[in-house]
Amino acid sequence: MYPPSPWHLRGQLHLSVFAVPRRALPPLPAGLRPLALGGRSLVGAAWVAYEPGGTLHYRELLAAVLVRPLRPTVMDIWVDSPESCEGGRALWAIPKDLAELTVAPPAAAATGIAHAEIRPGRRLPGRWPAPLSLVQAREDGTRVRTPVSGTAALRRTGITWHIESGSPLSYLAGRKPLLSVTLADFRLRFGS
């Protein structure tokens, strides 16, 4: 059984942003179209450690793409918590699957999917707002929009990605991130 919405979450998020040719992306649910500039779409790939003190604590690996009208949609996501997996699917239509995950800089790994070296750098002053609205599609085509709000400290970060052969994230294989950051000590409210 999973907790009701909203979830109050805290932890560390290590994010890389990639420019990926639109034709290389996996198919999205009907009605969701990736935003493309010059034939490329922005894909965020992240390792997340949700820490004790929040609604749930678990680890996560995800990839999301910006879609029209300028909202992210999660394409691929793995968690190591059955409650998070079930809740994400039921509450917000996030296509979570279970996997064995480790997220502890300087390393992060998901068995058979990817691994990375994470090198958090200098922290920027202050705490930064982290508002967004996620859009997902259920199998029946119904759209689910989920508000997310919170704050985080920002760190410049180096992340070197290694995508496993045959991985569902193969569309990121061999690509260098445009930028990488850590949302350190984030506090989020996920859902309404």
Protein backbone atom coordinates (compact mmCIF):
# COMPACT_ATOMS: atom_id res chain seq x y z
CA MET A 1 0.00 0.00 0.00
CA TYR A 2 1.22 3.49 -0.85
CA PRO A 3 0.73 6.83 0.95
CA PRO A 4 -1.90 9.28 -0.35
CA SER A 5 -0.99 12.40 -2.33
CA PRO A 6 0.77 14.72 -1.72
CA TRP A 7 4.13 13.22 -0.89
CA HIS A 8 6.60 15.38 1.02
CA LEU A 9 10.06 14.29 -0.09
CA ARG A 10 13.62 15.25 0.80
CA GLY A 11 17.02 14.20 -0.44
CA GLN A 12 19.61 14.61 -3.20
CA LEU A 13 18.99 14.76 -6.97
CA HIS A 14 21.85 14.51 -9.49
CA LEU A 15 20.65 15.69 -12.92
CA SER A 16 22.16 15.79 -16.40
CA VAL A 17 20.45 17.47 -19.35
CA PHE A 18 21.03 16.02 -22.83
CA ALA A 19 20.09 17.20 -26.35
CA VAL A 20 18.79 14.05 -28.06
CA PRO A 21 17.64 13.76 -31.69
CA ARG A 22 13.85 13.52 -31.62
CA ARG A 23 13.93 10.43 -33.85
CA ALA A 24 16.08 8.61 -31.24
CA LEU A 25 13.54 9.02 -28.41
CA PRO A 26 11.30 6.13 -27.39
CA PRO A 27 7.64 6.48 -28.40
CA LEU A 28 5.54 8.65 -26.10
CA PRO A 29 1.89 8.03 -25.21
CA ALA A 30 -0.65 9.35 -27.71
CA GLY A 31 -1.12 13.10 -27.49
CA LEU A 32 2.28 13.85 -25.94
CA ARG A 33 4.79 15.40 -28.36
CA PRO A 34 8.39 16.21 -27.47
CA LEU A 35 9.39 19.83 -27.78
CA ALA A 36 12.13 19.93 -30.43
CA LEU A 37 14.55 22.66 -31.47
CA GLY A 38 16.63 21.91 -34.54
CA GLY A 39 15.39 18.31 -34.44
CA ARG A 40 16.66 17.80 -30.87
CA SER A 41 14.74 17.43 -27.62
CA LEU A 42 15.90 18.14 -24.08
CA VAL A 43 16.08 15.01 -21.91
CA GLY A 44 16.83 15.14 -18.20
CA ALA A 45 18.31 12.01 -16.65
CA ALA A 46 18.63 11.87 -12.88
CA TRP A 47 19.77 9.75 -9.98
CA VAL A 48 17.74 10.54 -6.87
CA ALA A 49 18.14 9.52 -3.23
CA TYR A 50 14.98 10.23 -1.23
CA GLU A 51 16.06 10.34 2.39
CA PRO A 52 14.39 9.54 5.73
CA GLY A 53 12.21 12.32 7.07
CA GLY A 54 9.99 12.43 3.98
CA THR A 55 6.84 10.48 3.15
CA LEU A 56 8.96 7.63 1.73
CA HIS A 57 12.67 7.03 1.40
CA TYR A 58 14.04 5.15 -1.61
CA ARG A 59 16.31 5.50 -4.64
CA GLU A 60 15.37 6.33 -8.23
CA LEU A 61 16.80 6.55 -11.77
CA LEU A 62 14.71 8.43 -14.33
CA ALA A 63 14.68 10.03 -17.76
CA ALA A 64 12.16 12.74 -18.69
CA VAL A 65 11.65 14.81 -21.84
CA LEU A 66 10.16 18.27 -22.28
CA VAL A 67 6.84 18.06 -24.13
CA ARG A 68 4.44 20.68 -25.40
CA PRO A 69 3.39 22.94 -23.70
CA LEU A 70 6.77 23.08 -21.91
CA ARG A 71 6.24 20.41 -19.25
CA PRO A 72 8.33 17.34 -18.49
CA THR A 73 6.99 13.83 -18.93
CA VAL A 74 8.77 10.82 -17.45
CA MET A 75 9.65 8.28 -20.15
CA ASP A 76 11.65 5.77 -18.12
CA ILE A 77 11.91 5.37 -14.36
CA TRP A 78 13.11 2.77 -11.88
CA VAL A 79 12.76 2.77 -8.10
CA ASP A 80 13.79 0.35 -5.36
CA SER A 81 10.56 0.74 -3.37
CA PRO A 82 7.39 -1.25 -4.09
CA GLU A 83 5.31 1.48 -2.37
CA SER A 84 6.81 4.19 -4.59
CA CYS A 85 6.35 2.02 -7.69
CA GLU A 86 2.68 1.31 -6.97
CA GLY A 87 1.91 4.86 -5.80
CA GLY A 88 3.62 6.56 -8.73
CA ARG A 89 1.60 4.51 -11.20
CA ALA A 90 -1.75 4.83 -9.42
CA LEU A 91 -1.62 8.46 -8.31
CA TRP A 92 0.23 10.20 -11.14
CA ALA A 93 0.52 7.71 -14.05
CA ILE A 94 4.32 7.68 -13.73
CA PRO A 95 5.54 4.43 -15.40
CA LYS A 96 7.70 3.25 -12.48
CA ASP A 97 9.41 -0.15 -12.51
CA LEU A 98 11.41 -1.86 -9.77
CA ALA A 99 15.21 -2.21 -9.92
CA GLU A 100 18.18 -2.61 -7.62
CA LEU A 101 19.68 0.86 -7.24
CA THR A 102 22.61 2.51 -5.50
CA VAL A 103 22.88 6.30 -5.31
CA ALA A 104 25.87 7.40 -3.24
CA PRO A 105 28.36 9.78 -4.86
CA PRO A 106 30.87 9.33 -6.26
CA ALA A 107 29.01 6.35 -7.77
CA ALA A 108 25.49 5.44 -8.80
CA ALA A 109 24.27 2.23 -10.38
CA ALA A 110 21.17 0.44 -11.56
CA THR A 111 21.73 -3.21 -12.39
CA GLY A 112 21.56 -3.76 -16.16
CA ILE A 113 20.49 -0.18 -16.97
CA ALA A 114 23.24 2.38 -16.29
CA HIS A 115 25.90 3.54 -13.92
CA ALA A 116 27.56 6.90 -13.38
CA GLU A 117 30.33 8.72 -11.61
CA ILE A 118 28.89 11.72 -9.75
CA ARG A 119 31.21 14.52 -8.67
CA PRO A 120 29.25 17.26 -6.85
CA GLY A 121 31.09 20.57 -6.95
CA ARG A 122 30.80 23.98 -5.38
CA ARG A 123 27.48 24.95 -3.84
CA LEU A 124 25.84 28.12 -5.12
CA PRO A 125 24.60 30.59 -2.49
CA GLY A 126 21.06 30.32 -1.15
CA ARG A 127 18.18 27.96 -1.74
CA TRP A 128 16.43 27.94 -5.09
CA PRO A 129 12.77 27.33 -5.87
CA ALA A 130 12.00 24.10 -7.73
CA PRO A 131 8.49 24.51 -9.18
CA LEU A 132 7.21 22.46 -12.11
CA SER A 133 4.18 20.66 -13.40
CA LEU A 134 4.61 17.10 -14.63
CA VAL A 135 2.32 15.68 -17.32
CA GLN A 136 1.77 11.95 -17.83
CA ALA A 137 -0.75 9.92 -19.83
CA ARG A 138 -2.71 6.93 -18.58
CA GLU A 139 -3.25 3.93 -20.87
CA ASP A 140 -6.76 5.20 -21.70
CA GLY A 141 -5.25 8.49 -22.93
CA THR A 142 -6.31 10.53 -19.88
CA ARG A 143 -3.71 13.16 -19.01
CA VAL A 144 -2.54 13.59 -15.43
CA ARG A 145 -0.92 16.89 -14.45
CA THR A 146 0.95 16.85 -11.17
CA PRO A 147 2.20 20.01 -9.45
CA VAL A 148 5.60 19.85 -7.78
CA SER A 149 6.99 22.61 -5.57
CA GLY A 150 9.89 23.01 -3.20
CA THR A 151 13.39 24.34 -2.73
CA ALA A 152 16.93 23.05 -3.07
CA ALA A 153 20.52 24.15 -2.80
CA LEU A 154 22.30 24.00 -6.18
CA ARG A 155 25.71 22.50 -6.84
CA ARG A 156 27.62 22.43 -10.08
CA THR A 157 28.23 18.76 -10.72
CA GLY A 158 30.15 16.52 -13.07
CA ILE A 159 28.36 13.31 -14.06
CA THR A 160 29.87 10.72 -16.39
CA TRP A 161 27.17 8.35 -17.66
CA HIS A 162 27.73 4.74 -18.75
CA ILE A 163 24.69 3.15 -20.38
CA GLU A 164 24.61 -0.64 -20.35
CA SER A 165 24.35 -2.53 -23.65
CA GLY A 166 20.69 -3.11 -24.57
CA SER A 167 19.54 -0.68 -21.86
CA PRO A 168 16.15 1.04 -22.13
CA LEU A 169 18.23 4.26 -21.88
CA SER A 170 20.20 3.43 -25.05
CA TYR A 171 19.05 6.74 -26.58
CA LEU A 172 21.49 8.43 -24.13
CA ALA A 173 24.44 6.10 -24.87
CA GLY A 174 27.57 7.93 -25.99
CA ARG A 175 26.05 11.39 -25.47
CA LYS A 176 27.65 14.06 -23.30
CA PRO A 177 25.39 16.15 -21.09
CA LEU A 178 24.88 19.83 -21.89
CA LEU A 179 25.01 20.45 -18.15
CA SER A 180 24.83 18.61 -14.86
CA VAL A 181 23.71 19.90 -11.46
CA THR A 182 22.85 18.57 -8.04
CA LEU A 183 19.70 19.70 -6.27
CA ALA A 184 21.15 19.25 -2.80
CA ASP A 185 19.08 18.82 0.34
CA PHE A 186 15.87 19.35 -1.62
CA ARG A 187 12.46 19.56 0.04
CA LEU A 188 9.56 18.83 -2.33
CA ARG A 189 5.81 18.57 -2.21
CA PHE A 190 4.81 16.15 -4.97
CA GLY A 191 1.13 16.22 -5.87
CA SER A 192 -1.80 18.22 -4.57
